[in-house]
C-alpha atoms as a PDB file:
ATOM      1  CA  MET A   1       0.052  13.530 -10.574  1.00  0.00           C
ATOM      2  CA  SER A   2       0.522  15.051 -14.125  1.00  0.00           C
ATOM      3  CA  ALA A   3      -1.540  13.673 -16.802  1.00  0.00           C
ATOM      4  CA  SER A   4       1.572  12.439 -18.516  1.00  0.00           C
ATOM      5  CA  ARG A   5       2.184  10.303 -15.685  1.00  0.00           C
ATOM      6  CA  GLN A   6      -1.195   8.604 -15.312  1.00  0.00           C
ATOM      7  CA  VAL A   7      -1.794   5.120 -16.859  1.00  0.00           C
ATOM      8  CA  PHE A   8      -5.157   4.315 -15.315  1.00  0.00           C
ATOM      9  CA  SER A   9      -8.579   5.554 -16.619  1.00  0.00           C
ATOM     10  CA  ALA A  10     -10.857   7.400 -14.345  1.00  0.00           C
ATOM     11  CA  ALA A  11     -13.005   4.165 -14.102  1.00  0.00           C
ATOM     12  CA  GLN A  12     -10.001   2.320 -13.144  1.00  0.00           C
ATOM     13  CA  ARG A  13      -9.114   4.619 -10.436  1.00  0.00           C
ATOM     14  CA  GLN A  14     -12.533   4.731  -9.216  1.00  0.00           C
ATOM     15  CA  ALA A  15     -12.359   0.650  -8.921  1.00  0.00           C
ATOM     16  CA  LEU A  16      -8.827   1.083  -7.536  1.00  0.00           C
ATOM     17  CA  ASP A  17      -9.902   3.318  -4.676  1.00  0.00           C
ATOM     18  CA  ALA A  18     -12.785   1.229  -3.789  1.00  0.00           C
ATOM     19  CA  ALA A  19     -10.690  -1.906  -3.685  1.00  0.00           C
ATOM     20  CA  LEU A  20      -8.052   0.042  -1.359  1.00  0.00           C
ATOM     21  CA  ASN A  21     -10.870   0.974   0.943  1.00  0.00           C
ATOM     22  CA  ARG A  22     -11.352  -2.649   1.165  1.00  0.00           C
ATOM     23  CA  ILE A  23      -7.880  -3.873   1.849  1.00  0.00           C
ATOM     24  CA  ILE A  24      -7.386  -1.169   4.491  1.00  0.00           C
ATOM     25  CA  PRO A  25     -10.785   0.030   5.461  1.00  0.00           C
ATOM     26  CA  PRO A  26     -11.520   3.247   7.331  1.00  0.00           C
ATOM     27  CA  GLN A  27     -11.264   2.656  11.168  1.00  0.00           C
ATOM     28  CA  GLY A  28     -11.841   5.231  13.887  1.00  0.00           C
ATOM     29  CA  ASP A  29      -9.822   8.565  13.046  1.00  0.00           C
ATOM     30  CA  ARG A  30      -8.118   6.677  10.070  1.00  0.00           C
ATOM     31  CA  PRO A  31      -9.211   6.978   6.620  1.00  0.00           C
ATOM     32  CA  GLY A  32      -9.355   4.028   4.317  1.00  0.00           C
ATOM     33  CA  ALA A  33      -6.664   3.627   1.854  1.00  0.00           C
ATOM     34  CA  GLY A  34      -8.620   4.843  -1.161  1.00  0.00           C
ATOM     35  CA  ASP A  35     -10.330   7.555   0.801  1.00  0.00           C
ATOM     36  CA  LEU A  36      -6.748   8.878   1.503  1.00  0.00           C
ATOM     37  CA  GLY A  37      -5.629   8.795  -2.278  1.00  0.00           C
ATOM     38  CA  ILE A  38      -3.117   5.900  -1.962  1.00  0.00           C
ATOM     39  CA  GLY A  39      -4.410   4.868  -5.504  1.00  0.00           C
ATOM     40  CA  GLY A  40      -2.382   7.986  -6.716  1.00  0.00           C
ATOM     41  CA  PHE A  41       0.707   6.278  -4.813  1.00  0.00           C
ATOM     42  CA  VAL A  42       0.026   2.926  -6.414  1.00  0.00           C
ATOM     43  CA  GLU A  43      -0.435   4.411  -9.951  1.00  0.00           C
ATOM     44  CA  SER A  44       2.908   6.304  -9.517  1.00  0.00           C
ATOM     45  CA  VAL A  45       4.677   3.059  -8.813  1.00  0.00           C
ATOM     46  CA  ALA A  46       3.003   1.521 -11.816  1.00  0.00           C
ATOM     47  CA  VAL A  47       4.155   4.217 -13.926  1.00  0.00           C
ATOM     48  CA  GLY A  48       7.733   3.746 -12.882  1.00  0.00           C
ATOM     49  CA  GLU A  49       7.952   0.200 -14.401  1.00  0.00           C
ATOM     50  CA  PRO A  50       6.261  -0.773 -17.757  1.00  0.00           C
ATOM     51  CA  GLY A  51       5.926  -4.541 -16.259  1.00  0.00           C
ATOM     52  CA  LEU A  52       4.108  -3.137 -13.239  1.00  0.00           C
ATOM     53  CA  THR A  53       1.956  -0.897 -15.498  1.00  0.00           C
ATOM     54  CA  ARG A  54       0.882  -3.965 -17.688  1.00  0.00           C
ATOM     55  CA  LEU A  55       0.361  -5.806 -14.164  1.00  0.00           C
ATOM     56  CA  PHE A  56      -2.051  -3.318 -12.754  1.00  0.00           C
ATOM     57  CA  VAL A  57      -3.845  -2.532 -15.876  1.00  0.00           C
ATOM     58  CA  GLN A  58      -4.538  -6.115 -16.246  1.00  0.00           C
ATOM     59  CA  GLY A  59      -5.257  -6.647 -12.524  1.00  0.00           C
ATOM     60  CA  LEU A  60      -7.804  -3.675 -12.492  1.00  0.00           C
ATOM     61  CA  ALA A  61      -9.364  -5.218 -15.385  1.00  0.00           C
ATOM     62  CA  ALA A  62      -9.821  -8.436 -13.623  1.00  0.00           C
ATOM     63  CA  ILE A  63     -11.409  -6.694 -10.671  1.00  0.00           C
ATOM     64  CA  GLU A  64     -13.979  -5.186 -13.002  1.00  0.00           C
ATOM     65  CA  ILE A  65     -14.592  -8.709 -14.647  1.00  0.00           C
ATOM     66  CA  ALA A  66     -15.001 -10.382 -11.428  1.00  0.00           C
ATOM     67  CA  ALA A  67     -17.170  -7.179 -10.248  1.00  0.00           C
ATOM     68  CA  ALA A  68     -19.427  -7.750 -13.651  1.00  0.00           C
ATOM     69  CA  GLU A  69     -20.055 -11.378 -12.491  1.00  0.00           C
ATOM     70  CA  ARG A  70     -21.844  -9.828  -9.334  1.00  0.00           C
ATOM     71  CA  GLY A  71     -23.541  -6.831 -10.506  1.00  0.00           C
ATOM     72  CA  PRO A  72     -23.938  -4.605 -13.664  1.00  0.00           C
ATOM     73  CA  ASP A  73     -22.632  -1.261 -12.318  1.00  0.00           C
ATOM     74  CA  GLY A  74     -18.872  -2.004 -11.492  1.00  0.00           C
ATOM     75  CA  PHE A  75     -16.696  -2.700  -8.554  1.00  0.00           C
ATOM     76  CA  ALA A  76     -17.413   0.441  -6.763  1.00  0.00           C
ATOM     77  CA  ALA A  77     -21.026   0.179  -6.848  1.00  0.00           C
ATOM     78  CA  LEU A  78     -21.109  -3.423  -5.211  1.00  0.00           C
ATOM     79  CA  SER A  79     -21.690  -4.033  -1.583  1.00  0.00           C
ATOM     80  CA  GLY A  80     -18.862  -4.542   0.699  1.00  0.00           C
ATOM     81  CA  GLU A  81     -19.392  -8.226   0.750  1.00  0.00           C
ATOM     82  CA  SER A  82     -19.558  -8.577  -2.929  1.00  0.00           C
ATOM     83  CA  GLN A  83     -16.620  -6.366  -3.484  1.00  0.00           C
ATOM     84  CA  ASP A  84     -14.638  -8.743  -1.014  1.00  0.00           C
ATOM     85  CA  ALA A  85     -15.825 -11.673  -3.074  1.00  0.00           C
ATOM     86  CA  ALA A  86     -14.717 -10.235  -5.982  1.00  0.00           C
ATOM     87  CA  LEU A  87     -11.327  -9.241  -4.519  1.00  0.00           C
ATOM     88  CA  GLN A  88     -10.927 -12.946  -3.331  1.00  0.00           C
ATOM     89  CA  ALA A  89     -11.601 -14.374  -6.947  1.00  0.00           C
ATOM     90  CA  VAL A  90      -8.943 -11.841  -8.385  1.00  0.00           C
ATOM     91  CA  GLU A  91      -6.619 -12.783  -5.563  1.00  0.00           C
ATOM     92  CA  ALA A  92      -6.894 -16.560  -6.715  1.00  0.00           C
ATOM     93  CA  SER A  93      -6.782 -15.979 -10.251  1.00  0.00           C
ATOM     94  CA  HIS A  94      -3.929 -13.041 -10.368  1.00  0.00           C
ATOM     95  CA  ALA A  95      -2.079 -13.722  -7.469  1.00  0.00           C
ATOM     96  CA  GLU A  96       1.063 -11.843  -8.756  1.00  0.00           C
ATOM     97  CA  PHE A  97      -1.044  -8.792  -9.235  1.00  0.00           C
ATOM     98  CA  PHE A  98      -2.599  -9.066  -5.850  1.00  0.00           C
ATOM     99  CA  ASP A  99       0.376  -9.378  -4.036  1.00  0.00           C
ATOM    100  CA  GLN A 100       1.796  -6.306  -5.689  1.00  0.00           C
ATOM    101  CA  LEU A 101      -1.391  -4.560  -4.830  1.00  0.00           C
ATOM    102  CA  VAL A 102      -1.354  -5.256  -1.356  1.00  0.00           C
ATOM    103  CA  LEU A 103       2.228  -4.556  -1.039  1.00  0.00           C
ATOM    104  CA  GLN A 104       1.956  -1.076  -2.687  1.00  0.00           C
ATOM    105  CA  VAL A 105      -1.188  -0.158  -0.816  1.00  0.00           C
ATOM    106  CA  TYR A 106       0.603  -0.819   2.551  1.00  0.00           C
ATOM    107  CA  ASN A 107       3.749   1.029   1.341  1.00  0.00           C
ATOM    108  CA  GLY A 108       1.820   4.014   0.432  1.00  0.00           C
ATOM    109  CA  TYR A 109      -0.661   3.957   3.530  1.00  0.00           C
ATOM    110  CA  TYR A 110       1.813   3.402   6.341  1.00  0.00           C
ATOM    111  CA  THR A 111       4.235   5.883   5.030  1.00  0.00           C
ATOM    112  CA  ASN A 112       1.621   8.508   4.749  1.00  0.00           C
ATOM    113  CA  LEU A 113       1.840  11.466   7.247  1.00  0.00           C
ATOM    114  CA  THR A 114      -1.956  11.517   7.953  1.00  0.00           C
ATOM    115  CA  VAL A 115      -1.606   7.797   9.031  1.00  0.00           C
ATOM    116  CA  LEU A 116       1.641   8.184  11.043  1.00  0.00           C
ATOM    117  CA  ASP A 117      -0.151  10.990  12.837  1.00  0.00           C
ATOM    118  CA  ALA A 118      -3.278   8.883  13.642  1.00  0.00           C
ATOM    119  CA  VAL A 119      -1.486   6.143  14.823  1.00  0.00           C
ATOM    120  CA  GLY A 120       0.692   8.423  17.153  1.00  0.00           C
ATOM    121  CA  TYR A 121       3.915   8.071  15.375  1.00  0.00           C
ATOM    122  CA  ASP A 122       6.188  11.218  15.800  1.00  0.00           C
ATOM    123  CA  VAL A 123       8.000  11.845  12.552  1.00  0.00           C
ATOM    124  CA  PRO A 124      11.705  12.846  13.496  1.00  0.00           C
ATOM    125  CA  SER A 125      12.517  16.240  12.279  1.00  0.00           C
ATOM    126  CA  PRO A 126      15.358  16.428   9.572  1.00  0.00           C
ATOM    127  CA  PRO A 127      18.719  17.292  11.085  1.00  0.00           C
ATOM    128  CA  VAL A 128      19.696  20.769  10.599  1.00  0.00           C
ATOM    129  CA  PRO A 129      22.565  21.268   8.147  1.00  0.00           C
ATOM    130  CA  GLY A 130      25.917  21.020   9.760  1.00  0.00           C
ATOM    131  CA  ALA A 131      24.442  20.034  13.176  1.00  0.00           C
ATOM    132  CA  LYS A 132      26.304  17.050  15.051  1.00  0.00           C
ATOM    133  CA  LEU A 133      24.170  13.832  15.357  1.00  0.00           C
ATOM    134  CA  GLU A 134      23.686  12.161  18.471  1.00  0.00           C
ATOM    135  CA  LEU A 135      25.784   9.075  18.883  1.00  0.00           C
ATOM    136  CA  LEU A 136      24.434   5.636  19.853  1.00  0.00           C
ATOM    137  CA  ASP A 137      24.265   5.000  23.619  1.00  0.00           C
ATOM    138  CA  GLU A 138      26.753   2.349  23.673  1.00  0.00           C
ATOM    139  CA  THR A 139      25.350   1.187  26.860  1.00  0.00           C
ATOM    140  CA  LEU A 140      22.387  -0.322  25.069  1.00  0.00           C
ATOM    141  CA  LEU A 141      24.741  -2.950  23.748  1.00  0.00           C
ATOM    142  CA  GLU A 142      25.996  -4.045  26.959  1.00  0.00           C
ATOM    143  CA  ALA A 143      23.519  -7.170  27.255  1.00  0.00           C
ATOM    144  CA  GLN A 144      24.455  -8.317  23.788  1.00  0.00           C
ATOM    145  CA  ARG A 145      28.245  -8.050  24.892  1.00  0.00           C
ATOM    146  CA  GLN A 146      27.837 -10.167  27.647  1.00  0.00           C
ATOM    147  CA  ARG A 147      26.253 -13.264  25.575  1.00  0.00           C
ATOM    148  CA  PRO A 148      28.544 -15.777  24.595  1.00  0.00           C
ATOM    149  CA  PRO A 149      29.300 -16.162  20.843  1.00  0.00           C
ATOM    150  CA  PHE A 150      26.717 -18.089  18.789  1.00  0.00           C
ATOM    151  CA  TRP A 151      29.181 -19.381  16.466  1.00  0.00           C
ATOM    152  CA  THR A 152      31.958 -21.953  16.701  1.00  0.00           C
ATOM    153  CA  ARG A 153      35.428 -20.520  17.000  1.00  0.00           C
ATOM    154  CA  VAL A 154      37.887 -22.333  14.824  1.00  0.00           C
END
């Protein structure tokens, strides 16, 4: 992301990455959301709309305030248990931010090619220009066609 498209400070990015790793932690061969760089995705979403920029900047400040109540060295330096407690406090006090944070981390994480590969999803290849697309196998609709209508005929 170019510097002109950045709205978070280095400290905010560090806190965001640590928070994202608590929302979607590393598991098996899948990296945590923060380790995967989903913070950049979240920031790009925030940059796109001034209201979201303000919401995320305020929310990240709330995370650091909640962290300061649990230790002197910032959110990223807290234990996992203390990070969870700080995030729970922010979720309760800044619900709109937290909902948007979770939405964007899931959007970024579960559309990331590394994650799709790790879960075994084969991304379809784009069609070759001019290629004829396969049509729907209409036999798949037969069971639905056999059902009676669920509406009242008038």
